[in-house]
Protein backbone atom coordinates (compact mmCIF):
# COMPACT_ATOMS: atom_id res chain seq x y z
CA MET A 1 -0.13 0.06 0.02
CA ALA A 2 1.39 3.39 -0.99
CA ARG A 3 1.80 5.72 1.84
CA ARG A 4 0.93 9.51 1.55
CA THR A 5 3.09 12.29 2.54
CA LYS A 6 1.82 15.35 3.95
CA ARG A 7 3.08 18.34 2.18
CA LEU A 8 4.44 21.17 4.43
CA TRP A 9 3.72 24.79 3.06
CA THR A 10 5.71 27.51 4.43
CA ASP A 11 3.80 30.68 5.39
CA GLU A 12 4.96 32.97 2.22
CA GLU A 13 3.78 29.73 0.09
CA LYS A 14 0.33 29.66 1.97
CA ARG A 15 0.18 33.67 1.46
CA SER A 16 1.12 33.45 -2.29
CA ILE A 17 -1.63 30.77 -2.99
CA CYS A 18 -4.33 32.65 -1.14
CA SER A 19 -3.26 35.84 -3.06
CA GLN A 20 -3.94 34.03 -6.29
CA THR A 21 -7.57 33.49 -5.42
CA THR A 22 -8.18 37.28 -5.40
CA ALA A 23 -7.89 37.67 -9.31
CA PRO A 24 -11.01 38.54 -11.04
CA GLY A 25 -12.53 35.28 -12.71
CA VAL A 26 -10.33 32.95 -10.47
CA SER A 27 -11.88 30.12 -8.42
CA VAL A 28 -10.41 28.99 -5.23
CA ALA A 29 -11.06 25.39 -7.29
CA ARG A 30 -8.95 26.31 -10.16
CA VAL A 31 -5.74 27.60 -7.64
CA ALA A 32 -6.17 24.18 -5.69
CA GLN A 33 -5.98 22.21 -9.01
CA ARG A 34 -2.77 24.27 -10.23
CA TYR A 35 -1.31 23.04 -7.00
CA ALA A 36 -2.84 19.58 -6.99
CA MET A 37 -4.52 20.13 -3.44
CA ASN A 38 -7.85 20.14 -1.99
CA ALA A 39 -9.89 23.69 -2.13
CA ASN A 40 -10.82 23.14 1.53
CA VAL A 41 -7.15 23.60 2.57
CA ILE A 42 -7.11 27.06 0.78
CA PHE A 43 -10.48 27.93 2.26
CA LYS A 44 -8.98 27.30 5.64
CA TRP A 45 -6.00 29.28 4.83
CA LEU A 46 -8.42 32.16 3.89
CA ARG A 47 -9.98 32.32 7.08
CA ASP A 48 -6.55 32.71 8.96
CA PRO A 49 -5.79 36.45 9.13
CA ARG A 50 -1.90 35.49 8.89
CA TYR A 51 -2.52 34.18 5.13
CA ALA A 52 -5.74 35.87 3.94
CA PRO A 53 -4.73 38.58 1.33
CA GLU A 54 -5.04 42.37 2.31
CA PRO A 55 -7.69 44.40 0.73
CA SER A 56 -6.49 46.47 -1.96
CA ALA A 57 -6.25 50.06 -0.93
CA GLU A 58 -5.28 51.62 -4.60
CA PRO A 59 -8.11 50.94 -7.24
CA ASP A 60 -5.20 51.55 -9.79
CA GLU A 61 -2.80 49.20 -8.30
CA ALA A 62 -0.83 46.83 -10.85
CA CYS A 63 -1.56 43.27 -10.31
CA PHE A 64 -1.55 39.96 -12.51
CA LEU A 65 -4.68 38.56 -14.23
CA PRO A 66 -5.35 34.99 -15.42
CA VAL A 67 -4.51 34.76 -19.29
CA GLU A 68 -5.55 31.94 -21.49
CA ILE A 69 -3.95 31.84 -25.07
CA VAL A 70 -6.22 30.09 -27.25
CA ASN A 71 -5.63 28.99 -31.39
CA ARG A 72 -8.53 30.20 -33.03
CA HIS A 73 -9.42 31.10 -36.64
CA MET A 74 -10.15 34.51 -37.23
CA HIS A 75 -14.07 33.73 -37.67
CA ASP A 76 -15.51 33.77 -34.01
CA ASP A 77 -18.66 31.43 -33.54
CA ASP A 78 -20.68 34.52 -32.90
CA GLY A 79 -20.31 34.82 -36.90
CA ALA A 80 -18.39 38.32 -36.72
CA ALA A 81 -15.54 38.19 -38.87
CA ALA A 82 -12.47 40.07 -38.44
CA GLY A 83 -10.63 41.85 -41.30
CA PRO A 84 -6.92 40.37 -42.43
CA VAL A 85 -4.36 40.43 -39.97
CA PRO A 86 -1.87 43.21 -40.38
CA ALA A 87 1.95 42.42 -40.34
CA ALA A 88 2.07 43.45 -36.69
CA GLY A 89 -0.64 41.05 -35.71
CA MET A 90 -3.74 40.89 -33.67
CA ILE A 91 -4.56 40.64 -29.86
CA GLU A 92 -8.11 40.00 -28.62
CA ILE A 93 -9.04 40.79 -24.91
CA ASP A 94 -12.13 39.33 -23.15
CA THR A 95 -13.10 41.44 -20.12
CA ALA A 96 -14.81 40.05 -16.86
CA GLY A 97 -17.71 42.64 -17.78
CA GLY A 98 -18.32 40.85 -20.98
CA HIS A 99 -16.78 43.19 -23.47
CA ARG A 100 -14.67 41.84 -26.36
CA LEU A 101 -11.56 44.04 -27.78
CA ARG A 102 -9.83 43.21 -30.83
CA ILE A 103 -6.70 45.40 -31.41
CA SER A 104 -5.11 45.06 -34.85
CA GLY A 105 -1.66 46.82 -35.52
CA ALA A 106 0.22 49.18 -33.52
CA TYR A 107 -1.64 50.22 -30.43
CA ASP A 108 -0.61 52.71 -27.75
CA PRO A 109 -0.35 50.44 -24.41
CA GLU A 110 -1.25 53.17 -22.25
CA ALA A 111 -4.45 54.31 -24.10
CA LEU A 112 -5.40 50.54 -24.24
CA ALA A 113 -4.77 50.22 -20.60
CA ARG A 114 -7.05 53.33 -19.72
CA LEU A 115 -9.63 51.72 -22.06
CA ILE A 116 -9.64 48.38 -20.10
CA ARG A 117 -9.94 50.00 -16.79
CA GLY A 118 -12.82 51.99 -18.09
CA LEU A 119 -14.70 48.90 -19.47
CA SER A 120 -13.92 47.03 -16.15
CA GLY A 121 -14.87 49.41 -13.75
């Protein structure tokens, strides 16, 4: 019979794992899968003030968001067709609010960031 070994997490690892649950659209179950652990363990850590993430004081504070890269043809299932892809390429962003942004060619990163913040708020 195989013997289970109990993993020991450092306080810093617990804080890091708990903070990943605060990103918009990320579930505790998804974070638990990432670390091959039970979600109930993370919920227990989240109740502990030593590991619970601090609420963000600044609304414009930079943070990491989950990203999924998909290989998809230029025609979406909703029937909307995009034009030809310029040499610079194209990025597509689906926001948590249900907006879809398609940016082709060159763009101003600052203006794009302001637009995303406006749509997310």
